[in-house]
C-alpha atoms as a PDB file:
ATOM      1  CA  MET A   1     147.835 181.796 150.740  1.00  0.00           C
ATOM      2  CA  SER A   2     145.365 180.269 148.314  1.00  0.00           C
ATOM      3  CA  LYS A   3     143.741 181.867 145.309  1.00  0.00           C
ATOM      4  CA  ILE A   4     140.103 180.870 145.437  1.00  0.00           C
ATOM      5  CA  ALA A   5     136.801 181.772 143.821  1.00  0.00           C
ATOM      6  CA  PHE A   6     133.230 181.908 145.046  1.00  0.00           C
ATOM      7  CA  LEU A   7     130.351 181.475 142.635  1.00  0.00           C
ATOM      8  CA  GLY A   8     127.241 182.726 144.371  1.00  0.00           C
ATOM      9  CA  THR A   9     127.436 185.462 146.983  1.00  0.00           C
ATOM     10  CA  GLY A  10     124.065 185.356 148.642  1.00  0.00           C
ATOM     11  CA  LEU A  11     123.993 185.444 152.428  1.00  0.00           C
ATOM     12  CA  LEU A  12     126.041 182.266 152.943  1.00  0.00           C
ATOM     13  CA  GLY A  13     128.361 182.624 149.967  1.00  0.00           C
ATOM     14  CA  ALA A  14     129.150 186.226 150.869  1.00  0.00           C
ATOM     15  CA  ALA A  15     129.948 185.232 154.448  1.00  0.00           C
ATOM     16  CA  PHE A  16     132.308 182.493 153.225  1.00  0.00           C
ATOM     17  CA  ALA A  17     134.039 184.880 150.817  1.00  0.00           C
ATOM     18  CA  GLU A  18     134.407 187.565 153.473  1.00  0.00           C
ATOM     19  CA  ALA A  19     135.929 185.096 155.939  1.00  0.00           C
ATOM     20  CA  ALA A  20     138.339 183.737 153.336  1.00  0.00           C
ATOM     21  CA  ALA A  21     139.551 187.213 152.446  1.00  0.00           C
ATOM     22  CA  LYS A  22     140.054 188.038 156.122  1.00  0.00           C
ATOM     23  CA  ARG A  23     142.162 184.860 156.474  1.00  0.00           C
ATOM     24  CA  GLY A  24     144.443 186.231 153.784  1.00  0.00           C
ATOM     25  CA  ASP A  25     143.293 184.228 150.762  1.00  0.00           C
ATOM     26  CA  THR A  26     143.135 185.916 147.375  1.00  0.00           C
ATOM     27  CA  VAL A  27     139.409 185.808 146.651  1.00  0.00           C
ATOM     28  CA  THR A  28     137.450 186.449 143.467  1.00  0.00           C
ATOM     29  CA  ALA A  29     133.666 186.285 143.506  1.00  0.00           C
ATOM     30  CA  TRP A  30     130.828 186.275 141.030  1.00  0.00           C
ATOM     31  CA  ASN A  31     127.111 186.641 141.559  1.00  0.00           C
ATOM     32  CA  ARG A  32     124.207 186.908 139.151  1.00  0.00           C
ATOM     33  CA  SER A  33     123.351 190.207 140.856  1.00  0.00           C
ATOM     34  CA  PRO A  34     126.689 192.062 140.480  1.00  0.00           C
ATOM     35  CA  ASP A  35     126.041 194.419 143.393  1.00  0.00           C
ATOM     36  CA  LYS A  36     126.219 191.502 145.819  1.00  0.00           C
ATOM     37  CA  ALA A  37     129.698 190.580 144.631  1.00  0.00           C
ATOM     38  CA  ARG A  38     130.839 194.199 144.552  1.00  0.00           C
ATOM     39  CA  ALA A  39     129.696 194.652 148.161  1.00  0.00           C
ATOM     40  CA  LEU A  40     132.545 192.313 149.144  1.00  0.00           C
ATOM     41  CA  GLU A  41     135.211 194.579 147.673  1.00  0.00           C
ATOM     42  CA  THR A  42     135.494 196.313 151.036  1.00  0.00           C
ATOM     43  CA  PHE A  43     137.044 193.077 152.339  1.00  0.00           C
ATOM     44  CA  GLY A  44     139.472 192.812 149.449  1.00  0.00           C
ATOM     45  CA  VAL A  45     137.372 190.449 147.336  1.00  0.00           C
ATOM     46  CA  VAL A  46     137.614 191.021 143.575  1.00  0.00           C
ATOM     47  CA  ALA A  47     134.217 191.078 141.850  1.00  0.00           C
ATOM     48  CA  ALA A  48     134.294 189.223 138.521  1.00  0.00           C
ATOM     49  CA  ALA A  49     132.132 189.944 135.500  1.00  0.00           C
ATOM     50  CA  SER A  50     131.429 186.278 134.720  1.00  0.00           C
ATOM     51  CA  PRO A  51     131.835 182.809 136.265  1.00  0.00           C
ATOM     52  CA  ALA A  52     134.694 182.059 133.866  1.00  0.00           C
ATOM     53  CA  ASP A  53     136.509 185.233 134.910  1.00  0.00           C
ATOM     54  CA  ALA A  54     135.980 184.418 138.578  1.00  0.00           C
ATOM     55  CA  VAL A  55     137.506 180.925 138.424  1.00  0.00           C
ATOM     56  CA  ARG A  56     140.445 181.760 136.159  1.00  0.00           C
ATOM     57  CA  GLY A  57     143.647 180.912 138.045  1.00  0.00           C
ATOM     58  CA  ALA A  58     141.809 179.676 141.163  1.00  0.00           C
ATOM     59  CA  THR A  59     142.991 176.517 142.908  1.00  0.00           C
ATOM     60  CA  ARG A  60     139.634 176.074 144.642  1.00  0.00           C
ATOM     61  CA  VAL A  61     136.205 177.072 143.358  1.00  0.00           C
ATOM     62  CA  HIS A  62     133.462 177.227 145.973  1.00  0.00           C
ATOM     63  CA  ILE A  63     129.879 177.087 144.735  1.00  0.00           C
ATOM     64  CA  VAL A  64     127.040 178.362 146.938  1.00  0.00           C
ATOM     65  CA  LEU A  65     123.954 178.499 144.739  1.00  0.00           C
ATOM     66  CA  LYS A  66     120.194 178.004 144.844  1.00  0.00           C
ATOM     67  CA  ASP A  67     119.592 174.554 143.373  1.00  0.00           C
ATOM     68  CA  ASP A  68     120.693 171.926 140.856  1.00  0.00           C
ATOM     69  CA  ALA A  69     119.590 173.856 137.783  1.00  0.00           C
ATOM     70  CA  VAL A  70     121.581 176.932 138.779  1.00  0.00           C
ATOM     71  CA  VAL A  71     124.622 174.815 139.660  1.00  0.00           C
ATOM     72  CA  GLU A  72     124.554 173.256 136.192  1.00  0.00           C
ATOM     73  CA  GLU A  73     124.125 176.632 134.487  1.00  0.00           C
ATOM     74  CA  VAL A  74     126.906 178.350 136.421  1.00  0.00           C
ATOM     75  CA  LEU A  75     129.331 175.452 136.141  1.00  0.00           C
ATOM     76  CA  ALA A  76     128.820 175.379 132.387  1.00  0.00           C
ATOM     77  CA  ALA A  77     129.574 179.099 132.236  1.00  0.00           C
ATOM     78  CA  ALA A  78     132.658 178.673 134.426  1.00  0.00           C
ATOM     79  CA  ARG A  79     134.258 175.782 132.528  1.00  0.00           C
ATOM     80  CA  ALA A  80     136.048 178.017 130.016  1.00  0.00           C
ATOM     81  CA  GLY A  81     138.103 179.590 132.811  1.00  0.00           C
ATOM     82  CA  LEU A  82     138.521 176.551 135.037  1.00  0.00           C
ATOM     83  CA  SER A  83     142.062 175.299 135.534  1.00  0.00           C
ATOM     84  CA  PRO A  84     142.591 171.525 135.100  1.00  0.00           C
ATOM     85  CA  ASP A  85     144.013 171.435 138.629  1.00  0.00           C
ATOM     86  CA  ALA A  86     141.218 173.437 140.253  1.00  0.00           C
ATOM     87  CA  ILE A  87     138.990 171.662 142.762  1.00  0.00           C
ATOM     88  CA  VAL A  88     135.288 172.477 142.623  1.00  0.00           C
ATOM     89  CA  ILE A  89     133.725 172.453 146.078  1.00  0.00           C
ATOM     90  CA  ASP A  90     129.948 172.606 145.880  1.00  0.00           C
ATOM     91  CA  HIS A  91     128.173 173.736 149.070  1.00  0.00           C
ATOM     92  CA  THR A  92     124.720 173.872 147.446  1.00  0.00           C
ATOM     93  CA  THR A  93     121.837 171.856 148.897  1.00  0.00           C
ATOM     94  CA  THR A  94     120.872 169.649 145.961  1.00  0.00           C
ATOM     95  CA  LEU A  95     118.845 166.594 144.972  1.00  0.00           C
ATOM     96  CA  PRO A  96     120.887 163.459 145.703  1.00  0.00           C
ATOM     97  CA  THR A  97     120.197 161.749 142.370  1.00  0.00           C
ATOM     98  CA  LEU A  98     121.190 164.839 140.401  1.00  0.00           C
ATOM     99  CA  THR A  99     124.244 165.319 142.599  1.00  0.00           C
ATOM    100  CA  ALA A 100     125.428 161.795 141.839  1.00  0.00           C
ATOM    101  CA  ASP A 101     124.862 162.293 138.114  1.00  0.00           C
ATOM    102  CA  ARG A 102     126.678 165.622 138.150  1.00  0.00           C
ATOM    103  CA  ALA A 103     129.676 164.185 139.994  1.00  0.00           C
ATOM    104  CA  LYS A 104     129.896 161.290 137.550  1.00  0.00           C
ATOM    105  CA  ARG A 105     129.788 163.595 134.520  1.00  0.00           C
ATOM    106  CA  LEU A 106     132.297 166.052 135.943  1.00  0.00           C
ATOM    107  CA  ASN A 107     134.729 163.344 137.012  1.00  0.00           C
ATOM    108  CA  ALA A 108     134.503 161.758 133.566  1.00  0.00           C
ATOM    109  CA  ALA A 109     135.333 165.140 132.057  1.00  0.00           C
ATOM    110  CA  GLY A 110     138.373 165.511 134.292  1.00  0.00           C
ATOM    111  CA  VAL A 111     136.826 168.061 136.665  1.00  0.00           C
ATOM    112  CA  LYS A 112     137.757 167.553 140.312  1.00  0.00           C
ATOM    113  CA  TYR A 113     134.505 167.799 142.275  1.00  0.00           C
ATOM    114  CA  LEU A 114     133.472 167.445 145.913  1.00  0.00           C
ATOM    115  CA  HIS A 115     129.980 167.968 147.277  1.00  0.00           C
ATOM    116  CA  CYS A 116     130.226 169.765 150.633  1.00  0.00           C
ATOM    117  CA  PRO A 117     126.850 170.977 151.959  1.00  0.00           C
ATOM    118  CA  VAL A 118     126.844 172.686 155.338  1.00  0.00           C
ATOM    119  CA  PHE A 119     124.823 173.149 158.481  1.00  0.00           C
ATOM    120  CA  MET A 120     125.566 176.794 159.195  1.00  0.00           C
ATOM    121  CA  GLY A 121     124.218 180.259 158.623  1.00  0.00           C
ATOM    122  CA  PRO A 122     126.131 183.404 157.653  1.00  0.00           C
ATOM    123  CA  PRO A 123     127.359 184.242 161.197  1.00  0.00           C
ATOM    124  CA  ALA A 124     128.749 180.720 161.574  1.00  0.00           C
ATOM    125  CA  ALA A 125     130.414 180.944 158.152  1.00  0.00           C
ATOM    126  CA  ARG A 126     132.121 184.184 159.146  1.00  0.00           C
ATOM    127  CA  ASN A 127     133.397 182.627 162.368  1.00  0.00           C
ATOM    128  CA  ALA A 128     134.309 179.133 161.103  1.00  0.00           C
ATOM    129  CA  GLN A 129     131.596 177.419 163.115  1.00  0.00           C
ATOM    130  CA  GLY A 130     128.971 174.829 162.230  1.00  0.00           C
ATOM    131  CA  THR A 131     129.393 171.601 160.279  1.00  0.00           C
ATOM    132  CA  MET A 132     130.523 170.848 156.738  1.00  0.00           C
ATOM    133  CA  MET A 133     129.829 167.448 155.186  1.00  0.00           C
ATOM    134  CA  VAL A 134     131.975 166.081 152.374  1.00  0.00           C
ATOM    135  CA  ALA A 135     131.364 163.422 149.722  1.00  0.00           C
ATOM    136  CA  GLY A 136     133.676 162.484 146.875  1.00  0.00           C
ATOM    137  CA  PRO A 137     137.051 160.895 146.127  1.00  0.00           C
ATOM    138  CA  LYS A 138     139.011 160.443 149.339  1.00  0.00           C
ATOM    139  CA  ALA A 139     142.324 161.558 147.857  1.00  0.00           C
ATOM    140  CA  LEU A 140     140.668 164.745 146.662  1.00  0.00           C
ATOM    141  CA  TYR A 141     139.188 165.349 150.101  1.00  0.00           C
ATOM    142  CA  GLU A 142     142.549 164.781 151.771  1.00  0.00           C
ATOM    143  CA  SER A 143     144.127 167.396 149.490  1.00  0.00           C
ATOM    144  CA  VAL A 144     141.742 170.123 150.746  1.00  0.00           C
ATOM    145  CA  LYS A 145     140.926 168.823 154.217  1.00  0.00           C
ATOM    146  CA  ALA A 146     143.032 171.439 155.982  1.00  0.00           C
ATOM    147  CA  ASP A 147     141.533 174.255 153.899  1.00  0.00           C
ATOM    148  CA  LEU A 148     137.981 173.116 154.582  1.00  0.00           C
ATOM    149  CA  ALA A 149     138.742 172.885 158.301  1.00  0.00           C
ATOM    150  CA  LYS A 150     139.503 176.621 158.293  1.00  0.00           C
ATOM    151  CA  MET A 151     135.970 177.315 157.067  1.00  0.00           C
ATOM    152  CA  THR A 152     133.976 175.472 159.713  1.00  0.00           C
ATOM    153  CA  GLY A 153     134.017 174.115 163.233  1.00  0.00           C
ATOM    154  CA  ARG A 154     133.575 170.524 162.081  1.00  0.00           C
ATOM    155  CA  VAL A 155     134.299 168.667 158.847  1.00  0.00           C
ATOM    156  CA  GLU A 156     132.703 165.235 158.382  1.00  0.00           C
ATOM    157  CA  TYR A 157     133.839 163.057 155.479  1.00  0.00           C
ATOM    158  CA  PHE A 158     131.046 160.658 154.525  1.00  0.00           C
ATOM    159  CA  GLY A 159     132.898 158.704 151.861  1.00  0.00           C
ATOM    160  CA  GLU A 160     133.205 158.392 148.111  1.00  0.00           C
ATOM    161  CA  ARG A 161     129.523 157.853 147.362  1.00  0.00           C
ATOM    162  CA  ALA A 162     128.869 161.114 145.521  1.00  0.00           C
ATOM    163  CA  ASP A 163     125.328 161.753 146.787  1.00  0.00           C
ATOM    164  CA  ILE A 164     125.748 160.777 150.443  1.00  0.00           C
ATOM    165  CA  ALA A 165     126.419 164.278 151.778  1.00  0.00           C
ATOM    166  CA  ALA A 166     123.388 165.539 149.834  1.00  0.00           C
ATOM    167  CA  VAL A 167     121.228 162.882 151.512  1.00  0.00           C
ATOM    168  CA  ASN A 168     122.517 163.753 154.974  1.00  0.00           C
ATOM    169  CA  LYS A 169     121.926 167.435 154.326  1.00  0.00           C
ATOM    170  CA  LEU A 170     118.261 166.619 153.699  1.00  0.00           C
ATOM    171  CA  PHE A 171     118.158 164.633 156.957  1.00  0.00           C
ATOM    172  CA  GLY A 172     119.304 167.670 158.887  1.00  0.00           C
ATOM    173  CA  ASN A 173     117.099 170.161 157.118  1.00  0.00           C
ATOM    174  CA  ALA A 174     114.084 167.888 157.589  1.00  0.00           C
ATOM    175  CA  MET A 175     114.740 167.969 161.328  1.00  0.00           C
ATOM    176  CA  ILE A 176     115.153 171.754 161.362  1.00  0.00           C
ATOM    177  CA  ILE A 177     111.961 172.299 159.358  1.00  0.00           C
ATOM    178  CA  GLY A 178     110.022 169.668 161.279  1.00  0.00           C
ATOM    179  CA  VAL A 179     110.956 171.135 164.654  1.00  0.00           C
ATOM    180  CA  ALA A 180     110.032 174.615 163.424  1.00  0.00           C
ATOM    181  CA  ALA A 181     106.638 173.343 162.255  1.00  0.00           C
ATOM    182  CA  VAL A 182     105.911 171.654 165.583  1.00  0.00           C
ATOM    183  CA  MET A 183     107.047 174.750 167.493  1.00  0.00           C
ATOM    184  CA  ALA A 184     104.654 176.790 165.369  1.00  0.00           C
ATOM    185  CA  ASP A 185     101.842 174.463 166.445  1.00  0.00           C
ATOM    186  CA  VAL A 186     102.921 174.750 170.085  1.00  0.00           C
ATOM    187  CA  PHE A 187     102.721 178.533 169.764  1.00  0.00           C
ATOM    188  CA  THR A 188      99.258 178.193 168.226  1.00  0.00           C
ATOM    189  CA  ILE A 189      98.085 176.087 171.166  1.00  0.00           C
ATOM    190  CA  ALA A 190      99.651 178.628 173.516  1.00  0.00           C
ATOM    191  CA  GLN A 191      97.902 181.509 171.742  1.00  0.00           C
ATOM    192  CA  ALA A 192      94.577 179.713 172.015  1.00  0.00           C
ATOM    193  CA  SER A 193      95.219 179.218 175.729  1.00  0.00           C
ATOM    194  CA  ASN A 194      96.305 182.791 176.493  1.00  0.00           C
ATOM    195  CA  VAL A 195      99.893 181.716 177.164  1.00  0.00           C
ATOM    196  CA  SER A 196     102.838 183.644 175.740  1.00  0.00           C
ATOM    197  CA  ALA A 197     105.179 182.088 173.198  1.00  0.00           C
ATOM    198  CA  ASP A 198     108.077 182.875 175.560  1.00  0.00           C
ATOM    199  CA  ASP A 199     106.459 180.801 178.292  1.00  0.00           C
ATOM    200  CA  ALA A 200     105.845 177.978 175.836  1.00  0.00           C
ATOM    201  CA  ILE A 201     109.522 178.016 174.865  1.00  0.00           C
ATOM    202  CA  ARG A 202     110.458 177.783 178.532  1.00  0.00           C
ATOM    203  CA  THR A 203     108.491 174.529 178.780  1.00  0.00           C
ATOM    204  CA  LEU A 204     110.067 173.169 175.592  1.00  0.00           C
ATOM    205  CA  GLY A 205     113.420 173.812 177.235  1.00  0.00           C
ATOM    206  CA  PHE A 206     112.646 170.962 179.628  1.00  0.00           C
ATOM    207  CA  PHE A 207     113.192 168.496 176.763  1.00  0.00           C
ATOM    208  CA  ASP A 208     116.577 167.187 175.634  1.00  0.00           C
ATOM    209  CA  LEU A 209     116.120 166.681 171.900  1.00  0.00           C
ATOM    210  CA  ASN A 210     119.478 164.930 171.596  1.00  0.00           C
ATOM    211  CA  SER A 211     118.314 162.401 174.167  1.00  0.00           C
ATOM    212  CA  LEU A 212     115.069 161.873 172.266  1.00  0.00           C
ATOM    213  CA  VAL A 213     117.021 161.153 169.095  1.00  0.00           C
ATOM    214  CA  SER A 214     119.589 158.857 170.724  1.00  0.00           C
ATOM    215  CA  GLY A 215     116.947 157.024 172.767  1.00  0.00           C
ATOM    216  CA  ARG A 216     113.549 156.834 171.100  1.00  0.00           C
ATOM    217  CA  GLY A 217     115.043 157.638 167.700  1.00  0.00           C
ATOM    218  CA  ALA A 218     117.619 154.844 167.892  1.00  0.00           C
ATOM    219  CA  ALA A 219     114.946 152.316 168.892  1.00  0.00           C
ATOM    220  CA  MET A 220     112.738 153.581 166.092  1.00  0.00           C
ATOM    221  CA  ALA A 221     115.555 153.161 163.556  1.00  0.00           C
ATOM    222  CA  LYS A 222     115.876 149.504 164.644  1.00  0.00           C
ATOM    223  CA  GLY A 223     112.146 148.988 164.203  1.00  0.00           C
ATOM    224  CA  ASN A 224     111.617 148.553 167.940  1.00  0.00           C
ATOM    225  CA  PHE A 225     108.177 149.984 168.736  1.00  0.00           C
ATOM    226  CA  THR A 226     107.742 148.485 172.208  1.00  0.00           C
ATOM    227  CA  ALA A 227     105.316 150.853 173.851  1.00  0.00           C
ATOM    228  CA  SER A 228     106.303 153.438 176.400  1.00  0.00           C
ATOM    229  CA  PHE A 229     103.774 155.922 174.985  1.00  0.00           C
ATOM    230  CA  GLU A 230     101.028 153.997 173.187  1.00  0.00           C
ATOM    231  CA  LEU A 231      99.884 155.321 169.838  1.00  0.00           C
ATOM    232  CA  THR A 232      96.227 155.430 170.944  1.00  0.00           C
ATOM    233  CA  MET A 233      97.150 157.605 173.911  1.00  0.00           C
ATOM    234  CA  ALA A 234      99.342 159.826 171.770  1.00  0.00           C
ATOM    235  CA  ARG A 235      96.466 160.207 169.300  1.00  0.00           C
ATOM    236  CA  LYS A 236      94.186 161.255 172.135  1.00  0.00           C
ATOM    237  CA  ASP A 237      96.690 163.924 173.125  1.00  0.00           C
ATOM    238  CA  VAL A 238      96.930 165.189 169.555  1.00  0.00           C
ATOM    239  CA  ARG A 239      93.122 165.425 169.523  1.00  0.00           C
ATOM    240  CA  LEU A 240      93.318 167.590 172.639  1.00  0.00           C
ATOM    241  CA  MET A 241      95.945 169.802 170.972  1.00  0.00           C
ATOM    242  CA  LEU A 242      93.842 170.264 167.852  1.00  0.00           C
ATOM    243  CA  GLU A 243      90.684 170.953 169.840  1.00  0.00           C
ATOM    244  CA  THR A 244      92.530 173.532 171.933  1.00  0.00           C
ATOM    245  CA  ALA A 245      93.841 175.273 168.803  1.00  0.00           C
ATOM    246  CA  GLY A 246      90.329 175.386 167.373  1.00  0.00           C
ATOM    247  CA  SER A 247      90.097 176.917 163.897  1.00  0.00           C
ATOM    248  CA  ARG A 248      93.574 178.428 163.995  1.00  0.00           C
ATOM    249  CA  PRO A 249      95.929 177.259 161.206  1.00  0.00           C
ATOM    250  CA  MET A 250      98.320 174.447 162.169  1.00  0.00           C
ATOM    251  CA  SER A 251     101.548 173.423 160.449  1.00  0.00           C
ATOM    252  CA  ALA A 252     102.236 169.797 161.390  1.00  0.00           C
ATOM    253  CA  LEU A 253      99.847 168.206 163.855  1.00  0.00           C
ATOM    254  CA  PRO A 254      96.848 167.692 161.524  1.00  0.00           C
ATOM    255  CA  ALA A 255      99.017 165.556 159.230  1.00  0.00           C
ATOM    256  CA  VAL A 256     100.384 163.662 162.239  1.00  0.00           C
ATOM    257  CA  ALA A 257      96.827 162.971 163.395  1.00  0.00           C
ATOM    258  CA  ALA A 258      95.839 161.640 159.979  1.00  0.00           C
ATOM    259  CA  ARG A 259      98.829 159.290 159.901  1.00  0.00           C
ATOM    260  CA  MET A 260      98.067 158.090 163.433  1.00  0.00           C
ATOM    261  CA  ASP A 261      94.507 157.268 162.392  1.00  0.00           C
ATOM    262  CA  GLN A 262      95.810 155.169 159.499  1.00  0.00           C
ATOM    263  CA  LEU A 263      98.125 153.202 161.779  1.00  0.00           C
ATOM    264  CA  ILE A 264      95.503 152.676 164.464  1.00  0.00           C
ATOM    265  CA  ALA A 265      93.121 151.371 161.803  1.00  0.00           C
ATOM    266  CA  ALA A 266      95.887 149.008 160.667  1.00  0.00           C
ATOM    267  CA  GLY A 267      96.164 147.534 164.193  1.00  0.00           C
ATOM    268  CA  HIS A 268      99.102 149.474 165.649  1.00  0.00           C
ATOM    269  CA  GLY A 269      97.243 151.283 168.413  1.00  0.00           C
ATOM    270  CA  ALA A 270      99.062 149.404 171.194  1.00  0.00           C
ATOM    271  CA  ASP A 271     102.499 150.091 169.702  1.00  0.00           C
ATOM    272  CA  ASP A 272     104.657 153.009 170.710  1.00  0.00           C
ATOM    273  CA  ALA A 273     103.860 156.349 169.095  1.00  0.00           C
ATOM    274  CA  SER A 274     107.156 156.045 167.224  1.00  0.00           C
ATOM    275  CA  VAL A 275     105.416 153.448 165.051  1.00  0.00           C
ATOM    276  CA  LEU A 276     104.749 156.483 162.879  1.00  0.00           C
ATOM    277  CA  GLY A 277     107.974 155.415 161.161  1.00  0.00           C
ATOM    278  CA  ILE A 278     107.090 151.766 160.615  1.00  0.00           C
ATOM    279  CA  ASP A 279     107.038 152.010 156.822  1.00  0.00           C
ATOM    280  CA  ALA A 280     110.507 153.578 156.769  1.00  0.00           C
ATOM    281  CA  VAL A 281     112.363 150.948 158.823  1.00  0.00           C
ATOM    282  CA  GLN A 282     112.542 147.181 159.158  1.00  0.00           C
ATOM    283  CA  ARG A 283     110.543 146.097 162.199  1.00  0.00           C
ATOM    284  CA  THR A 284     112.311 143.810 164.702  1.00  0.00           C
END
């Protein structure tokens, strides 16, 4: 089996390391808070004193850290122990421009680097579920494709453009955060109306979000704003939502209302409500 290292053993990194050890890999881990790495010893993971110690002799180095600055800091600390043949697999959610710059610098220095952000939480990481996205040299991806497949339910290779997985990770997280914000507003409206959040969720279950994305979303991406739900009518409904919520704090709908007002003032009232995205796509 493989000898691998994990740099960063927060919730996700620890779950990955635990699963790898259970698969029979030889796993070394490092974390800024040593207790988090030592907690994995029960699964056979070796806790290292430094990033360089953790990566020494590893064929794959998995990074699961907070942000770009921490990735740079930890990679710099790990370089002294990094084998020339080791492949660095970075699962951190990072800024696309900085990701591209980092990949360019590392490749120029002879470091083999793939950016592989994921859509999964700790339970999914333990059970090889969820989705892993990959960006970087195709030959490098092919050399670890089978190993990555053991970590997740789905591996998607996006190509050699170094920042493309980082961009797609932001797409997904924007959807997750946006849906959570709108659900929070739905719960606020429910609270103001003496309706339980559970009952509100039952109503939301009537909607097929995948269908909304593949239907209205696909038309929106093409710049097709032929009305099936006019913006002026949608704005009226948002007014009703805000009035129902009263003075209670709202997460998303006030900003949506403000944007709708801008577009109506600009002459888009008869367009579909999806015209909210007109400045992001080419209109047909």
